Each structure stands twice: as C-alpha cells, then as structure tokens.
Amino acid sequence: MKKTLALLILASLLSCNKNDDKADGYGNFEATEVTISAEANGKLISFNIEEGSVLEPNTQIGLVDTTQLYWNKQQLIASRNTVFSKSKNVLSQDQVLQEQLKTTLIEKKRIENMYAENAATKRQLDEVVGKVNVLKEQMKSVGTQNAPITNEAKSIDVQIEKINDQIAKSKIVNPIKGTVLAKYAEPNEITAFGKPLYKIADISEMTLRVYISETQLPKIKIGQKVAVKIDSGSEMKDYSGTISWISASAEFSPKIIQTKEERVNLVYAIKIKVKNDGSLKIGMPAEMWIAP
C-alpha cells in the first residue's frame, strides 16, 4: 500500500509539471499475476521457458523425472496380472459347476416328470434335488473365494491410477495464456511439491487502478469510456479505457499527500481496462481523464 501511494505521488507530481490541466485521477497499472508451482518431486528433466516468453494455455513446458514412477507402475501391472490369473482359475471352476448344474437341472426335471407318473421313486427325486443344492452351494463358495481376489485387483488398479496421476502432474503444463514475468528454476535442478517455478500474467489487457473523490462519482459508471494517458518522452501517449469496477466503499485519503484540511476526505477506488499495445507495464503510472 505504501509503495502504491508513493507511485501515486510521483505520478501526480510529474503530471502537474507537464500539463496545465489536471487529470481526473492518477493510478498505476496492474495485472493478475499467477505463480505456477511444481506438483511433483524430483529432477527437472526439461524446463523450456524464458522471462518475457508468451505462453499459450495447456502447453507442456517442462517435465519432472518420472523414472521411479514408471518402474513402480510396471511392478503393479505385474502384480495385477498375477491376481487376474488366480481369478481366472476360480472362474473356470465356476463355469464347470454351472455346466454341471445345467445338466443336473435337466435330470431333475426328467425325474420330476417320471415321479408324477409313478415311474420314479421319491428317493431318486430327493437325490437329484440334493445334487442341485450341493452344486449351488459350491458355486456360492467359489464366488466367495473370488471376492477377495477381485478386491485385490481393484486395490491394485487404484494404485496404478494414483501413479498415472503423479506422472501427469510431473508434466509442467502452463494453465493460462500470458507473459512469463519471472523464472525461479532451471533444468537439472531438484524441485519439490509446491516449489514456485515461474510467475505469469496476461498483460494483453491491463488494469489501471485509480482513486477518485466522492464528488467525481456521479460523473462515472461501469462500462463508461475514459481517456488514459502515460508519459512518453516530452509528451503524453493516449489510450482508450473502459471502467470495469467501482468500489462500493470509501477509504480515507492518504495523509501523506493531503493538506490538514483535506485529511478527512474519502476516496473511492475504480478499475479501468486498457488494451496493451506492448508499452504498458505492471506498476507504470498513468492518468485518467473523464470526457466532459
């Protein structure tokens, strides 16, 4: 805040020296700065950016070593194959029992028909019914044996997915379009989760934050076009800006730039969007002029 106030003072003094007319407001350009951090631990195999580079979103710009993750994944895949072989053996038993049950049910139907015509005894019917029940119980037992094997396979699948996620996060992918403001790491360095790698901001459109007095509020509204001027040699360079935000609450005017009588005045912050032609920089002072 103190740094911002100092810049406001400087902008005000410079403008007063160069212009007979007074601007309606003074401020500094801002941009949303995003610090991109590592999401994996290990050596930076590659990191292909430089300060000032313009990056597109969803572009891979680096990679953290994934060798150990790869071998861990291969080990899990081998374990999963072993588990599946156990499951196949159990399932083959189940298929054999299903075929036996199918044959026994046909025999049971035949004996039931014979028993209805007094061509078979009650003992024969009871025996075939017993066989059906035994086979069904055996199938239940096989299903019970296969359940822990299936759960083990699912557990391994989850571990593989976790490693896949770690491998994906080892790829450094730029999330937004913007210009690299600062670079904090170099290839072959060891990085760690949460360690800053670079700072980026979209400076194609800058935001000018200006403070105005309460008496100026009726003259502005959101969406209104205003003139923005910056120092350019001995003259001022003009830009067109659009008011995008007006503070809903006031704050006291900075005492260091106000007379004793004006210290009780309140100011309101506003934001102005300005298209950047490459000349505007973060922190640069500027003036706002409201069209009469």
C-alpha atoms as a PDB file:
ATOM      1  CA  MET A   1       0.000   0.000   0.000  1.00  0.00           C
ATOM      2  CA  LYS A   2       2.842   2.398   0.886  1.00  0.00           C
ATOM      3  CA  LYS A   3       4.565   1.618  -2.406  1.00  0.00           C
ATOM      4  CA  THR A   4       1.345   2.320  -4.308  1.00  0.00           C
ATOM      5  CA  LEU A   5       0.892   5.640  -2.509  1.00  0.00           C
ATOM      6  CA  ALA A   6       4.437   6.650  -3.339  1.00  0.00           C
ATOM      7  CA  LEU A   7       3.835   5.911  -7.004  1.00  0.00           C
ATOM      8  CA  LEU A   8       0.622   7.922  -6.891  1.00  0.00           C
ATOM      9  CA  ILE A   9       2.560  10.889  -5.502  1.00  0.00           C
ATOM     10  CA  LEU A  10       5.179  10.566  -8.212  1.00  0.00           C
ATOM     11  CA  ALA A  11       2.557  10.320 -10.966  1.00  0.00           C
ATOM     12  CA  SER A  12       0.740  13.364  -9.596  1.00  0.00           C
ATOM     13  CA  LEU A  13       3.899  15.493  -9.409  1.00  0.00           C
ATOM     14  CA  LEU A  14       5.095  14.520 -12.893  1.00  0.00           C
ATOM     15  CA  SER A  15       1.706  15.239 -14.417  1.00  0.00           C
ATOM     16  CA  CYS A  16       1.447  18.628 -12.753  1.00  0.00           C
ATOM     17  CA  ASN A  17       4.842  19.601 -14.140  1.00  0.00           C
ATOM     18  CA  LYS A  18       3.914  18.616 -17.700  1.00  0.00           C
ATOM     19  CA  ASN A  19       0.307  19.732 -18.013  1.00  0.00           C
ATOM     20  CA  ASP A  20      -1.532  22.845 -17.187  1.00  0.00           C
ATOM     21  CA  ASP A  21      -4.746  20.907 -16.896  1.00  0.00           C
ATOM     22  CA  LYS A  22      -5.223  18.450 -14.074  1.00  0.00           C
ATOM     23  CA  ALA A  23      -6.274  14.860 -14.744  1.00  0.00           C
ATOM     24  CA  ASP A  24      -9.376  13.440 -13.098  1.00  0.00           C
ATOM     25  CA  GLY A  25      -7.404  10.673 -11.459  1.00  0.00           C
ATOM     26  CA  TYR A  26      -3.971   9.089 -11.084  1.00  0.00           C
ATOM     27  CA  GLY A  27      -3.034   5.463 -10.634  1.00  0.00           C
ATOM     28  CA  ASN A  28      -0.850   2.540 -11.636  1.00  0.00           C
ATOM     29  CA  PHE A  29      -1.305  -0.388 -13.984  1.00  0.00           C
ATOM     30  CA  GLU A  30      -1.928  -3.850 -12.560  1.00  0.00           C
ATOM     31  CA  ALA A  31      -2.334  -7.388 -13.879  1.00  0.00           C
ATOM     32  CA  THR A  32      -3.358 -10.657 -12.269  1.00  0.00           C
ATOM     33  CA  GLU A  33      -0.073 -12.414 -11.542  1.00  0.00           C
ATOM     34  CA  VAL A  34      -0.164 -16.203 -11.155  1.00  0.00           C
ATOM     35  CA  THR A  35       2.706 -18.156  -9.582  1.00  0.00           C
ATOM     36  CA  ILE A  36       2.952 -21.678 -11.019  1.00  0.00           C
ATOM     37  CA  SER A  37       4.414 -24.254  -8.626  1.00  0.00           C
ATOM     38  CA  ALA A  38       5.656 -27.814  -9.025  1.00  0.00           C
ATOM     39  CA  GLU A  39       3.188 -30.655  -8.377  1.00  0.00           C
ATOM     40  CA  ALA A  40       5.839 -33.400  -8.199  1.00  0.00           C
ATOM     41  CA  ASN A  41       9.180 -34.128  -6.553  1.00  0.00           C
ATOM     42  CA  GLY A  42      12.372 -34.844  -8.493  1.00  0.00           C
ATOM     43  CA  LYS A  43      14.837 -33.519 -11.039  1.00  0.00           C
ATOM     44  CA  LEU A  44      13.673 -31.063 -13.703  1.00  0.00           C
ATOM     45  CA  ILE A  45      14.471 -33.007 -16.878  1.00  0.00           C
ATOM     46  CA  SER A  46      13.360 -30.064 -19.020  1.00  0.00           C
ATOM     47  CA  PHE A  47      12.035 -26.564 -18.422  1.00  0.00           C
ATOM     48  CA  ASN A  48      11.751 -24.619 -21.656  1.00  0.00           C
ATOM     49  CA  ILE A  49      10.747 -21.049 -20.812  1.00  0.00           C
ATOM     50  CA  GLU A  50      12.450 -17.686 -20.515  1.00  0.00           C
ATOM     51  CA  GLU A  51      11.366 -14.447 -18.896  1.00  0.00           C
ATOM     52  CA  GLY A  52       9.356 -12.451 -21.417  1.00  0.00           C
ATOM     53  CA  SER A  53       8.145 -15.569 -23.265  1.00  0.00           C
ATOM     54  CA  VAL A  54       4.478 -15.566 -24.268  1.00  0.00           C
ATOM     55  CA  LEU A  55       2.892 -18.934 -23.416  1.00  0.00           C
ATOM     56  CA  GLU A  56      -0.333 -20.472 -24.652  1.00  0.00           C
ATOM     57  CA  PRO A  57      -2.656 -22.332 -22.266  1.00  0.00           C
ATOM     58  CA  ASN A  58      -2.411 -26.148 -21.927  1.00  0.00           C
ATOM     59  CA  THR A  59       1.139 -26.143 -23.336  1.00  0.00           C
ATOM     60  CA  GLN A  60       3.690 -28.514 -21.783  1.00  0.00           C
ATOM     61  CA  ILE A  61       6.799 -26.512 -20.942  1.00  0.00           C
ATOM     62  CA  GLY A  62       8.720 -28.912 -18.698  1.00  0.00           C
ATOM     63  CA  LEU A  63       8.987 -32.345 -17.122  1.00  0.00           C
ATOM     64  CA  VAL A  64       9.992 -33.728 -13.737  1.00  0.00           C
ATOM     65  CA  ASP A  65      11.787 -37.091 -13.791  1.00  0.00           C
ATOM     66  CA  THR A  66       9.258 -39.969 -13.841  1.00  0.00           C
ATOM     67  CA  THR A  67      11.648 -42.954 -13.951  1.00  0.00           C
ATOM     68  CA  GLN A  68      10.812 -44.309 -10.496  1.00  0.00           C
ATOM     69  CA  LEU A  69       7.106 -43.795 -11.091  1.00  0.00           C
ATOM     70  CA  TYR A  70       7.351 -45.773 -14.324  1.00  0.00           C
ATOM     71  CA  TRP A  71       9.006 -48.781 -12.649  1.00  0.00           C
ATOM     72  CA  ASN A  72       6.526 -48.689  -9.753  1.00  0.00           C
ATOM     73  CA  LYS A  73       3.714 -48.783 -12.287  1.00  0.00           C
ATOM     74  CA  GLN A  74       5.270 -51.762 -14.113  1.00  0.00           C
ATOM     75  CA  GLN A  75       5.564 -53.632 -10.806  1.00  0.00           C
ATOM     76  CA  LEU A  76       1.899 -53.023 -10.042  1.00  0.00           C
ATOM     77  CA  ILE A  77       0.870 -54.162 -13.520  1.00  0.00           C
ATOM     78  CA  ALA A  78       2.766 -57.429 -12.984  1.00  0.00           C
ATOM     79  CA  SER A  79       1.034 -57.922  -9.614  1.00  0.00           C
ATOM     80  CA  ARG A  80      -2.347 -57.259 -11.201  1.00  0.00           C
ATOM     81  CA  ASN A  81      -1.662 -59.889 -13.897  1.00  0.00           C
ATOM     82  CA  THR A  82      -0.833 -62.426 -11.177  1.00  0.00           C
ATOM     83  CA  VAL A  83      -4.072 -61.642  -9.379  1.00  0.00           C
ATOM     84  CA  PHE A  84      -6.059 -61.980 -12.612  1.00  0.00           C
ATOM     85  CA  SER A  85      -4.548 -65.433 -13.215  1.00  0.00           C
ATOM     86  CA  LYS A  86      -5.830 -66.517  -9.793  1.00  0.00           C
ATOM     87  CA  SER A  87      -9.231 -65.130 -10.625  1.00  0.00           C
ATOM     88  CA  LYS A  88      -9.309 -66.998 -13.938  1.00  0.00           C
ATOM     89  CA  ASN A  89      -8.710 -70.299 -12.132  1.00  0.00           C
ATOM     90  CA  VAL A  90     -11.580 -69.611  -9.756  1.00  0.00           C
ATOM     91  CA  LEU A  91     -13.863 -68.507 -12.578  1.00  0.00           C
ATOM     92  CA  SER A  92     -13.063 -71.672 -14.558  1.00  0.00           C
ATOM     93  CA  GLN A  93     -14.226 -73.720 -11.558  1.00  0.00           C
ATOM     94  CA  ASP A  94     -17.412 -71.691 -11.525  1.00  0.00           C
ATOM     95  CA  GLN A  95     -18.006 -72.420 -15.225  1.00  0.00           C
ATOM     96  CA  VAL A  96     -17.570 -76.161 -14.630  1.00  0.00           C
ATOM     97  CA  LEU A  97     -20.081 -76.035 -11.779  1.00  0.00           C
ATOM     98  CA  GLN A  98     -22.532 -74.085 -13.939  1.00  0.00           C
ATOM     99  CA  GLU A  99     -22.394 -76.779 -16.621  1.00  0.00           C
ATOM    100  CA  GLN A 100     -22.887 -79.499 -14.001  1.00  0.00           C
ATOM    101  CA  LEU A 101     -25.837 -77.602 -12.565  1.00  0.00           C
ATOM    102  CA  LYS A 102     -27.385 -77.211 -16.010  1.00  0.00           C
ATOM    103  CA  THR A 103     -27.158 -80.978 -16.604  1.00  0.00           C
ATOM    104  CA  THR A 104     -28.470 -81.789 -13.123  1.00  0.00           C
ATOM    105  CA  LEU A 105     -31.452 -79.470 -13.545  1.00  0.00           C
ATOM    106  CA  ILE A 106     -32.368 -81.285 -16.762  1.00  0.00           C
ATOM    107  CA  GLU A 107     -32.119 -84.598 -14.932  1.00  0.00           C
ATOM    108  CA  LYS A 108     -34.190 -83.192 -12.056  1.00  0.00           C
ATOM    109  CA  LYS A 109     -36.950 -82.110 -14.476  1.00  0.00           C
ATOM    110  CA  ARG A 110     -36.974 -85.580 -16.082  1.00  0.00           C
ATOM    111  CA  ILE A 111     -37.216 -87.343 -12.713  1.00  0.00           C
ATOM    112  CA  GLU A 112     -39.974 -84.980 -11.564  1.00  0.00           C
ATOM    113  CA  ASN A 113     -41.992 -85.913 -14.654  1.00  0.00           C
ATOM    114  CA  MET A 114     -41.324 -89.621 -14.061  1.00  0.00           C
ATOM    115  CA  TYR A 115     -42.257 -89.282 -10.397  1.00  0.00           C
ATOM    116  CA  ALA A 116     -45.525 -87.623 -11.388  1.00  0.00           C
ATOM    117  CA  GLU A 117     -46.297 -90.718 -13.497  1.00  0.00           C
ATOM    118  CA  ASN A 118     -45.112 -93.113 -10.736  1.00  0.00           C
ATOM    119  CA  ALA A 119     -42.154 -94.107 -12.934  1.00  0.00           C
ATOM    120  CA  ALA A 120     -39.541 -92.929 -10.394  1.00  0.00           C
ATOM    121  CA  THR A 121     -39.190 -93.221  -6.648  1.00  0.00           C
ATOM    122  CA  LYS A 122     -39.193 -90.477  -4.047  1.00  0.00           C
ATOM    123  CA  ARG A 123     -35.613 -91.411  -3.233  1.00  0.00           C
ATOM    124  CA  GLN A 124     -34.485 -90.738  -6.791  1.00  0.00           C
ATOM    125  CA  LEU A 125     -36.164 -87.332  -6.704  1.00  0.00           C
ATOM    126  CA  ASP A 126     -34.605 -86.474  -3.350  1.00  0.00           C
ATOM    127  CA  GLU A 127     -31.168 -87.459  -4.607  1.00  0.00           C
ATOM    128  CA  VAL A 128     -31.326 -85.247  -7.679  1.00  0.00           C
ATOM    129  CA  VAL A 129     -32.689 -82.325  -5.615  1.00  0.00           C
ATOM    130  CA  GLY A 130     -29.769 -82.838  -3.219  1.00  0.00           C
ATOM    131  CA  LYS A 131     -27.296 -82.720  -6.114  1.00  0.00           C
ATOM    132  CA  VAL A 132     -28.789 -79.398  -7.284  1.00  0.00           C
ATOM    133  CA  ASN A 133     -28.475 -77.916  -3.795  1.00  0.00           C
ATOM    134  CA  VAL A 134     -24.884 -79.120  -3.413  1.00  0.00           C
ATOM    135  CA  LEU A 135     -23.888 -77.582  -6.740  1.00  0.00           C
ATOM    136  CA  LYS A 136     -25.484 -74.258  -5.813  1.00  0.00           C
ATOM    137  CA  GLU A 137     -23.598 -74.197  -2.504  1.00  0.00           C
ATOM    138  CA  GLN A 138     -20.344 -74.999  -4.299  1.00  0.00           C
ATOM    139  CA  MET A 139     -20.980 -72.084  -6.682  1.00  0.00           C
ATOM    140  CA  LYS A 140     -21.535 -69.785  -3.712  1.00  0.00           C
ATOM    141  CA  SER A 141     -18.271 -70.985  -2.202  1.00  0.00           C
ATOM    142  CA  VAL A 142     -16.407 -70.274  -5.453  1.00  0.00           C
ATOM    143  CA  GLY A 143     -17.950 -66.793  -5.580  1.00  0.00           C
ATOM    144  CA  THR A 144     -16.774 -66.204  -2.013  1.00  0.00           C
ATOM    145  CA  GLN A 145     -13.240 -67.264  -2.979  1.00  0.00           C
ATOM    146  CA  ASN A 146     -13.218 -64.881  -5.949  1.00  0.00           C
ATOM    147  CA  ALA A 147     -14.424 -61.824  -3.972  1.00  0.00           C
ATOM    148  CA  PRO A 148     -11.123 -61.105  -2.147  1.00  0.00           C
ATOM    149  CA  ILE A 149      -9.215 -61.678  -5.402  1.00  0.00           C
ATOM    150  CA  THR A 150     -11.439 -59.138  -7.167  1.00  0.00           C
ATOM    151  CA  ASN A 151     -10.978 -56.647  -4.323  1.00  0.00           C
ATOM    152  CA  GLU A 152      -7.209 -57.123  -4.506  1.00  0.00           C
ATOM    153  CA  ALA A 153      -7.295 -56.393  -8.238  1.00  0.00           C
ATOM    154  CA  LYS A 154      -9.365 -53.245  -7.635  1.00  0.00           C
ATOM    155  CA  SER A 155      -6.883 -52.088  -4.995  1.00  0.00           C
ATOM    156  CA  ILE A 156      -4.013 -52.501  -7.463  1.00  0.00           C
ATOM    157  CA  ASP A 157      -5.998 -50.609 -10.123  1.00  0.00           C
ATOM    158  CA  VAL A 158      -6.413 -47.688  -7.691  1.00  0.00           C
ATOM    159  CA  GLN A 159      -2.656 -47.649  -7.021  1.00  0.00           C
ATOM    160  CA  ILE A 160      -1.966 -47.619 -10.766  1.00  0.00           C
ATOM    161  CA  GLU A 161      -4.364 -44.696 -11.234  1.00  0.00           C
ATOM    162  CA  LYS A 162      -2.573 -42.809  -8.449  1.00  0.00           C
ATOM    163  CA  ILE A 163       0.741 -43.308 -10.225  1.00  0.00           C
ATOM    164  CA  ASN A 164      -0.836 -42.224 -13.521  1.00  0.00           C
ATOM    165  CA  ASP A 165      -1.954 -39.030 -11.783  1.00  0.00           C
ATOM    166  CA  GLN A 166       1.552 -38.482 -10.383  1.00  0.00           C
ATOM    167  CA  ILE A 167       3.044 -38.982 -13.855  1.00  0.00           C
ATOM    168  CA  ALA A 168       0.546 -36.497 -15.320  1.00  0.00           C
ATOM    169  CA  LYS A 169       1.453 -33.948 -12.634  1.00  0.00           C
ATOM    170  CA  SER A 170       5.129 -34.444 -13.417  1.00  0.00           C
ATOM    171  CA  LYS A 171       4.398 -32.758 -16.733  1.00  0.00           C
ATOM    172  CA  ILE A 172       4.609 -28.986 -16.232  1.00  0.00           C
ATOM    173  CA  VAL A 173       1.677 -27.611 -18.212  1.00  0.00           C
ATOM    174  CA  ASN A 174       1.084 -23.883 -18.479  1.00  0.00           C
ATOM    175  CA  PRO A 175      -2.525 -23.165 -17.366  1.00  0.00           C
ATOM    176  CA  ILE A 176      -3.190 -19.706 -18.847  1.00  0.00           C
ATOM    177  CA  LYS A 177      -2.189 -17.504 -21.744  1.00  0.00           C
ATOM    178  CA  GLY A 178       0.273 -14.852 -20.643  1.00  0.00           C
ATOM    179  CA  THR A 179       3.798 -13.500 -20.431  1.00  0.00           C
ATOM    180  CA  VAL A 180       6.424 -15.010 -18.138  1.00  0.00           C
ATOM    181  CA  LEU A 181       7.321 -12.334 -15.588  1.00  0.00           C
ATOM    182  CA  ALA A 182       9.860 -14.301 -13.540  1.00  0.00           C
ATOM    183  CA  LYS A 183      11.584 -17.695 -13.715  1.00  0.00           C
ATOM    184  CA  TYR A 184      12.540 -19.402 -10.449  1.00  0.00           C
ATOM    185  CA  ALA A 185      14.050 -22.719 -11.591  1.00  0.00           C
ATOM    186  CA  GLU A 186      16.423 -24.153 -14.194  1.00  0.00           C
ATOM    187  CA  PRO A 187      16.724 -27.581 -15.896  1.00  0.00           C
ATOM    188  CA  ASN A 188      18.527 -30.287 -13.859  1.00  0.00           C
ATOM    189  CA  GLU A 189      17.613 -28.640 -10.549  1.00  0.00           C
ATOM    190  CA  ILE A 190      15.779 -30.670  -7.911  1.00  0.00           C
ATOM    191  CA  THR A 191      12.271 -29.419  -7.335  1.00  0.00           C
ATOM    192  CA  ALA A 192       9.572 -30.339  -4.818  1.00  0.00           C
ATOM    193  CA  PHE A 193       5.813 -30.193  -4.499  1.00  0.00           C
ATOM    194  CA  GLY A 194       4.698 -26.585  -4.035  1.00  0.00           C
ATOM    195  CA  LYS A 195       8.044 -25.041  -5.044  1.00  0.00           C
ATOM    196  CA  PRO A 196       7.478 -21.976  -7.298  1.00  0.00           C
ATOM    197  CA  LEU A 197       8.701 -22.460 -10.863  1.00  0.00           C
ATOM    198  CA  TYR A 198       7.657 -19.251 -12.617  1.00  0.00           C
ATOM    199  CA  LYS A 199       5.268 -16.301 -12.493  1.00  0.00           C
ATOM    200  CA  ILE A 200       2.960 -15.466 -15.389  1.00  0.00           C
ATOM    201  CA  ALA A 201       0.369 -12.776 -16.146  1.00  0.00           C
ATOM    202  CA  ASP A 202      -1.876 -11.921 -19.057  1.00  0.00           C
ATOM    203  CA  ILE A 203      -0.769  -8.388 -19.921  1.00  0.00           C
ATOM    204  CA  SER A 204      -2.614  -8.139 -23.229  1.00  0.00           C
ATOM    205  CA  GLU A 205      -5.160  -6.107 -21.289  1.00  0.00           C
ATOM    206  CA  MET A 206      -4.017  -4.102 -18.281  1.00  0.00           C
ATOM    207  CA  THR A 207      -5.979  -2.781 -15.319  1.00  0.00           C
ATOM    208  CA  LEU A 208      -5.456   0.796 -14.185  1.00  0.00           C
ATOM    209  CA  ARG A 209      -6.419   1.296 -10.537  1.00  0.00           C
ATOM    210  CA  VAL A 210      -7.341   4.916  -9.835  1.00  0.00           C
ATOM    211  CA  TYR A 211      -8.622   6.692  -6.710  1.00  0.00           C
ATOM    212  CA  ILE A 212     -11.233   9.407  -7.141  1.00  0.00           C
ATOM    213  CA  SER A 213     -13.083  11.698  -4.774  1.00  0.00           C
ATOM    214  CA  GLU A 214     -16.726  11.387  -3.771  1.00  0.00           C
ATOM    215  CA  THR A 215     -17.625  14.436  -5.882  1.00  0.00           C
ATOM    216  CA  GLN A 216     -16.390  12.625  -9.013  1.00  0.00           C
ATOM    217  CA  LEU A 217     -18.580   9.561  -8.511  1.00  0.00           C
ATOM    218  CA  PRO A 218     -21.665  10.987 -10.291  1.00  0.00           C
ATOM    219  CA  LYS A 219     -19.537  11.507 -13.428  1.00  0.00           C
ATOM    220  CA  ILE A 220     -18.633   7.832 -13.899  1.00  0.00           C
ATOM    221  CA  LYS A 221     -20.314   4.458 -14.276  1.00  0.00           C
ATOM    222  CA  ILE A 222     -19.302   0.900 -15.112  1.00  0.00           C
ATOM    223  CA  GLY A 223     -18.784   0.444 -18.861  1.00  0.00           C
ATOM    224  CA  GLN A 224     -18.001   4.128 -19.414  1.00  0.00           C
ATOM    225  CA  LYS A 225     -15.184   5.041 -21.800  1.00  0.00           C
ATOM    226  CA  VAL A 226     -12.407   7.257 -20.402  1.00  0.00           C
ATOM    227  CA  ALA A 227      -9.098   8.548 -21.689  1.00  0.00           C
ATOM    228  CA  VAL A 228      -5.878   7.139 -20.212  1.00  0.00           C
ATOM    229  CA  LYS A 229      -2.526   8.859 -20.631  1.00  0.00           C
ATOM    230  CA  ILE A 230       1.032   7.797 -19.885  1.00  0.00           C
ATOM    231  CA  ASP A 231       4.352   9.623 -20.105  1.00  0.00           C
ATOM    232  CA  SER A 232       6.039   9.190 -23.484  1.00  0.00           C
ATOM    233  CA  GLY A 233       9.120  11.335 -23.791  1.00  0.00           C
ATOM    234  CA  SER A 234       8.211  15.010 -23.723  1.00  0.00           C
ATOM    235  CA  GLU A 235       4.554  14.306 -24.497  1.00  0.00           C
ATOM    236  CA  MET A 236       1.722  12.053 -23.264  1.00  0.00           C
ATOM    237  CA  LYS A 237       0.554   8.907 -25.045  1.00  0.00           C
ATOM    238  CA  ASP A 238      -3.200   8.371 -25.205  1.00  0.00           C
ATOM    239  CA  TYR A 239      -5.196   5.165 -24.725  1.00  0.00           C
ATOM    240  CA  SER A 240      -8.871   4.348 -24.560  1.00  0.00           C
ATOM    241  CA  GLY A 241     -10.049   2.702 -21.344  1.00  0.00           C
ATOM    242  CA  THR A 242     -13.282   1.230 -20.001  1.00  0.00           C
ATOM    243  CA  ILE A 243     -14.338   1.450 -16.353  1.00  0.00           C
ATOM    244  CA  SER A 244     -14.867  -2.152 -15.189  1.00  0.00           C
ATOM    245  CA  TRP A 245     -15.296  -1.770 -11.407  1.00  0.00           C
ATOM    246  CA  ILE A 246     -16.162   0.893  -8.854  1.00  0.00           C
ATOM    247  CA  SER A 247     -15.532   0.312  -5.160  1.00  0.00           C
ATOM    248  CA  ALA A 248     -18.680   0.051  -3.072  1.00  0.00           C
ATOM    249  CA  SER A 249     -16.980   1.556  -0.031  1.00  0.00           C
ATOM    250  CA  ALA A 250     -14.740   4.542   0.543  1.00  0.00           C
ATOM    251  CA  GLU A 251     -11.418   4.818   2.297  1.00  0.00           C
ATOM    252  CA  PHE A 252      -9.544   7.732   3.821  1.00  0.00           C
ATOM    253  CA  SER A 253      -7.337   9.738   1.524  1.00  0.00           C
ATOM    254  CA  PRO A 254      -3.651   9.049   2.133  1.00  0.00           C
ATOM    255  CA  LYS A 255      -2.494  11.598   4.695  1.00  0.00           C
ATOM    256  CA  ILE A 256       0.954  11.999   3.174  1.00  0.00           C
ATOM    257  CA  ILE A 257      -0.418  13.691   0.070  1.00  0.00           C
ATOM    258  CA  GLN A 258      -3.213  15.736   1.633  1.00  0.00           C
ATOM    259  CA  THR A 259      -3.296  19.037   3.464  1.00  0.00           C
ATOM    260  CA  LYS A 260      -4.562  19.147   7.016  1.00  0.00           C
ATOM    261  CA  GLU A 261      -7.980  20.336   5.836  1.00  0.00           C
ATOM    262  CA  GLU A 262      -8.300  17.557   3.263  1.00  0.00           C
ATOM    263  CA  ARG A 263      -7.321  14.635   5.505  1.00  0.00           C
ATOM    264  CA  VAL A 264     -10.935  13.875   6.351  1.00  0.00           C
ATOM    265  CA  ASN A 265     -11.860  13.420   2.676  1.00  0.00           C
ATOM    266  CA  LEU A 266     -12.693   9.961   1.348  1.00  0.00           C
ATOM    267  CA  VAL A 267     -11.670   8.393  -1.942  1.00  0.00           C
ATOM    268  CA  TYR A 268     -13.081   5.509  -3.993  1.00  0.00           C
ATOM    269  CA  ALA A 269     -11.049   3.006  -5.982  1.00  0.00           C
ATOM    270  CA  ILE A 270     -12.010   2.253  -9.569  1.00  0.00           C
ATOM    271  CA  LYS A 271     -10.548  -0.114 -12.162  1.00  0.00           C
ATOM    272  CA  ILE A 272     -10.119   0.721 -15.836  1.00  0.00           C
ATOM    273  CA  LYS A 273      -9.426  -1.909 -18.507  1.00  0.00           C
ATOM    274  CA  VAL A 274      -6.923  -0.803 -21.162  1.00  0.00           C
ATOM    275  CA  LYS A 275      -5.745  -2.758 -24.218  1.00  0.00           C
ATOM    276  CA  ASN A 276      -1.980  -3.123 -24.103  1.00  0.00           C
ATOM    277  CA  ASP A 277      -0.010  -2.320 -27.252  1.00  0.00           C
ATOM    278  CA  GLY A 278       3.176  -3.544 -25.611  1.00  0.00           C
ATOM    279  CA  SER A 279       4.091  -0.241 -23.970  1.00  0.00           C
ATOM    280  CA  LEU A 280       2.148  -0.704 -20.741  1.00  0.00           C
ATOM    281  CA  LYS A 281       3.945  -2.365 -17.836  1.00  0.00           C
ATOM    282  CA  ILE A 282       2.896  -3.502 -14.367  1.00  0.00           C
ATOM    283  CA  GLY A 283       3.357  -0.649 -11.876  1.00  0.00           C
ATOM    284  CA  MET A 284       3.554   2.046 -14.564  1.00  0.00           C
ATOM    285  CA  PRO A 285       1.854   5.332 -13.504  1.00  0.00           C
ATOM    286  CA  ALA A 286      -0.951   6.767 -15.624  1.00  0.00           C
ATOM    287  CA  GLU A 287      -3.605   9.463 -15.680  1.00  0.00           C
ATOM    288  CA  MET A 288      -7.344   9.132 -16.178  1.00  0.00           C
ATOM    289  CA  TRP A 289      -9.327  11.824 -17.968  1.00  0.00           C
ATOM    290  CA  ILE A 290     -13.125  11.848 -17.992  1.00  0.00           C
ATOM    291  CA  ALA A 291     -14.639  13.244 -21.175  1.00  0.00           C
ATOM    292  CA  PRO A 292     -16.699  16.402 -20.492  1.00  0.00           C
END
